[in-house]
Amino acid sequence: MEDSDTIPDEFKKFWNIEQESALQELIKTENLLEEDTEKLIENYLFTEREPLRKEVLSFRADGRPSVLKSKEIGDRILNKIVGFVDTFVNGITGL
């Protein structure tokens, strides 16, 4: 980069691409409905209330898992969503 004044803008572009990529990976690997997942994350950011496992499981494209797997799968997805927000939203509040 020749002009150091462009670093903040270039970083924002890079970060937006990384954020979108991470979100798409989360949606794909957990087989979630994209629009509903995005709304859930927006609501989480607005209310600062962590989503409920029940909410997260309702966004699975292949339906709710069996009762025996609900806690495990729900907790895994919740942890990924919280991690996504911590990394891509809370982690760059200075930008």
C-alpha atoms as a PDB file:
ATOM      1  CA  MET A   1       0.000   0.000   0.000  1.00  0.00           C
ATOM      2  CA  GLU A   2       1.466   3.298  -1.038  1.00  0.00           C
ATOM      3  CA  ASP A   3      -0.804   5.658   0.907  1.00  0.00           C
ATOM      4  CA  SER A   4      -1.082   4.913   4.613  1.00  0.00           C
ATOM      5  CA  ASP A   5      -4.208   7.093   4.820  1.00  0.00           C
ATOM      6  CA  THR A   6      -6.148   4.363   3.033  1.00  0.00           C
ATOM      7  CA  ILE A   7      -5.314   1.668   5.602  1.00  0.00           C
ATOM      8  CA  PRO A   8      -8.465   2.173   7.748  1.00  0.00           C
ATOM      9  CA  ASP A   9     -10.739   2.026   4.695  1.00  0.00           C
ATOM     10  CA  GLU A  10      -8.945  -0.986   3.273  1.00  0.00           C
ATOM     11  CA  PHE A  11      -9.131  -2.745   6.620  1.00  0.00           C
ATOM     12  CA  LYS A  12     -12.882  -2.081   6.836  1.00  0.00           C
ATOM     13  CA  LYS A  13     -13.330  -3.607   3.378  1.00  0.00           C
ATOM     14  CA  PHE A  14     -11.239  -6.612   4.370  1.00  0.00           C
ATOM     15  CA  TRP A  15     -13.117  -7.001   7.668  1.00  0.00           C
ATOM     16  CA  ASN A  16     -16.520  -6.833   5.953  1.00  0.00           C
ATOM     17  CA  ILE A  17     -15.467  -9.561   3.529  1.00  0.00           C
ATOM     18  CA  GLU A  18     -14.176 -11.720   6.388  1.00  0.00           C
ATOM     19  CA  GLN A  19     -17.355 -11.110   8.398  1.00  0.00           C
ATOM     20  CA  GLU A  20     -19.594 -12.137   5.510  1.00  0.00           C
ATOM     21  CA  SER A  21     -17.444 -15.184   4.820  1.00  0.00           C
ATOM     22  CA  ALA A  22     -17.589 -16.281   8.476  1.00  0.00           C
ATOM     23  CA  LEU A  23     -21.357 -15.782   8.588  1.00  0.00           C
ATOM     24  CA  GLN A  24     -21.864 -17.815   5.425  1.00  0.00           C
ATOM     25  CA  GLU A  25     -19.628 -20.569   6.798  1.00  0.00           C
ATOM     26  CA  LEU A  26     -21.644 -20.663  10.035  1.00  0.00           C
ATOM     27  CA  ILE A  27     -24.918 -20.824   8.122  1.00  0.00           C
ATOM     28  CA  LYS A  28     -23.606 -23.533   5.806  1.00  0.00           C
ATOM     29  CA  THR A  29     -21.940 -25.771   8.398  1.00  0.00           C
ATOM     30  CA  GLU A  30     -24.894 -25.651  10.789  1.00  0.00           C
ATOM     31  CA  ASN A  31     -27.490 -25.803   7.991  1.00  0.00           C
ATOM     32  CA  LEU A  32     -29.268 -22.640   9.144  1.00  0.00           C
ATOM     33  CA  LEU A  33     -31.783 -20.447   7.342  1.00  0.00           C
ATOM     34  CA  GLU A  34     -29.810 -17.391   6.259  1.00  0.00           C
ATOM     35  CA  GLU A  35     -32.403 -14.639   6.667  1.00  0.00           C
ATOM     36  CA  ASP A  36     -33.588 -15.905  10.049  1.00  0.00           C
ATOM     37  CA  THR A  37     -30.031 -16.264  11.325  1.00  0.00           C
ATOM     38  CA  GLU A  38     -29.170 -12.718  10.270  1.00  0.00           C
ATOM     39  CA  LYS A  39     -32.281 -11.400  12.032  1.00  0.00           C
ATOM     40  CA  LEU A  40     -31.388 -13.375  15.154  1.00  0.00           C
ATOM     41  CA  ILE A  41     -27.910 -11.824  15.207  1.00  0.00           C
ATOM     42  CA  GLU A  42     -29.331  -8.327  14.630  1.00  0.00           C
ATOM     43  CA  ASN A  43     -31.781  -8.867  17.490  1.00  0.00           C
ATOM     44  CA  TYR A  44     -28.970 -10.146  19.712  1.00  0.00           C
ATOM     45  CA  LEU A  45     -26.962  -6.998  18.995  1.00  0.00           C
ATOM     46  CA  PHE A  46     -29.940  -4.696  19.552  1.00  0.00           C
ATOM     47  CA  THR A  47     -31.265  -6.263  22.752  1.00  0.00           C
ATOM     48  CA  GLU A  48     -27.907  -7.485  24.097  1.00  0.00           C
ATOM     49  CA  ARG A  49     -29.779 -10.618  25.124  1.00  0.00           C
ATOM     50  CA  GLU A  50     -28.200 -13.917  24.147  1.00  0.00           C
ATOM     51  CA  PRO A  51     -30.559 -15.973  21.971  1.00  0.00           C
ATOM     52  CA  LEU A  52     -32.284 -18.979  23.464  1.00  0.00           C
ATOM     53  CA  ARG A  53     -31.322 -22.467  22.346  1.00  0.00           C
ATOM     54  CA  LYS A  54     -34.930 -23.003  21.245  1.00  0.00           C
ATOM     55  CA  GLU A  55     -34.729 -19.969  18.920  1.00  0.00           C
ATOM     56  CA  VAL A  56     -31.497 -21.122  17.340  1.00  0.00           C
ATOM     57  CA  LEU A  57     -32.764 -24.640  16.738  1.00  0.00           C
ATOM     58  CA  SER A  58     -35.866 -23.307  14.991  1.00  0.00           C
ATOM     59  CA  PHE A  59     -33.608 -21.823  12.280  1.00  0.00           C
ATOM     60  CA  ARG A  60     -32.179 -25.149  11.161  1.00  0.00           C
ATOM     61  CA  ALA A  61     -33.099 -25.869   7.556  1.00  0.00           C
ATOM     62  CA  ASP A  62     -33.492 -29.560   8.329  1.00  0.00           C
ATOM     63  CA  GLY A  63     -35.721 -28.969  11.374  1.00  0.00           C
ATOM     64  CA  ARG A  64     -35.215 -29.483  15.049  1.00  0.00           C
ATOM     65  CA  PRO A  65     -32.931 -32.300  16.146  1.00  0.00           C
ATOM     66  CA  SER A  66     -34.100 -35.119  18.377  1.00  0.00           C
ATOM     67  CA  VAL A  67     -34.581 -34.359  22.049  1.00  0.00           C
ATOM     68  CA  LEU A  68     -31.374 -36.227  22.860  1.00  0.00           C
ATOM     69  CA  LYS A  69     -29.304 -34.054  20.513  1.00  0.00           C
ATOM     70  CA  SER A  70     -31.080 -30.694  21.051  1.00  0.00           C
ATOM     71  CA  LYS A  71     -28.893 -29.478  23.900  1.00  0.00           C
ATOM     72  CA  GLU A  72     -25.624 -30.470  22.247  1.00  0.00           C
ATOM     73  CA  ILE A  73     -26.483 -29.013  18.846  1.00  0.00           C
ATOM     74  CA  GLY A  74     -28.193 -25.925  20.262  1.00  0.00           C
ATOM     75  CA  ASP A  75     -25.275 -25.107  22.537  1.00  0.00           C
ATOM     76  CA  ARG A  76     -22.782 -25.600  19.697  1.00  0.00           C
ATOM     77  CA  ILE A  77     -24.689 -23.212  17.418  1.00  0.00           C
ATOM     78  CA  LEU A  78     -25.176 -20.670  20.214  1.00  0.00           C
ATOM     79  CA  ASN A  79     -21.451 -20.715  20.976  1.00  0.00           C
ATOM     80  CA  LYS A  80     -20.664 -20.126  17.304  1.00  0.00           C
ATOM     81  CA  ILE A  81     -23.111 -17.208  17.104  1.00  0.00           C
ATOM     82  CA  VAL A  82     -21.758 -15.609  20.280  1.00  0.00           C
ATOM     83  CA  GLY A  83     -18.210 -16.164  19.008  1.00  0.00           C
ATOM     84  CA  PHE A  84     -19.103 -14.581  15.669  1.00  0.00           C
ATOM     85  CA  VAL A  85     -20.510 -11.482  17.400  1.00  0.00           C
ATOM     86  CA  ASP A  86     -17.544 -11.270  19.778  1.00  0.00           C
ATOM     87  CA  THR A  87     -15.065 -11.488  16.914  1.00  0.00           C
ATOM     88  CA  PHE A  88     -16.693  -9.479  14.160  1.00  0.00           C
ATOM     89  CA  VAL A  89     -18.748  -6.913  16.057  1.00  0.00           C
ATOM     90  CA  ASN A  90     -17.437  -6.447  19.574  1.00  0.00           C
ATOM     91  CA  GLY A  91     -13.839  -7.050  18.502  1.00  0.00           C
ATOM     92  CA  ILE A  92     -13.671  -3.989  16.264  1.00  0.00           C
ATOM     93  CA  THR A  93     -15.687  -1.360  18.101  1.00  0.00           C
ATOM     94  CA  GLY A  94     -12.882   1.143  17.529  1.00  0.00           C
ATOM     95  CA  LEU A  95     -13.440   1.310  13.757  1.00  0.00           C
END
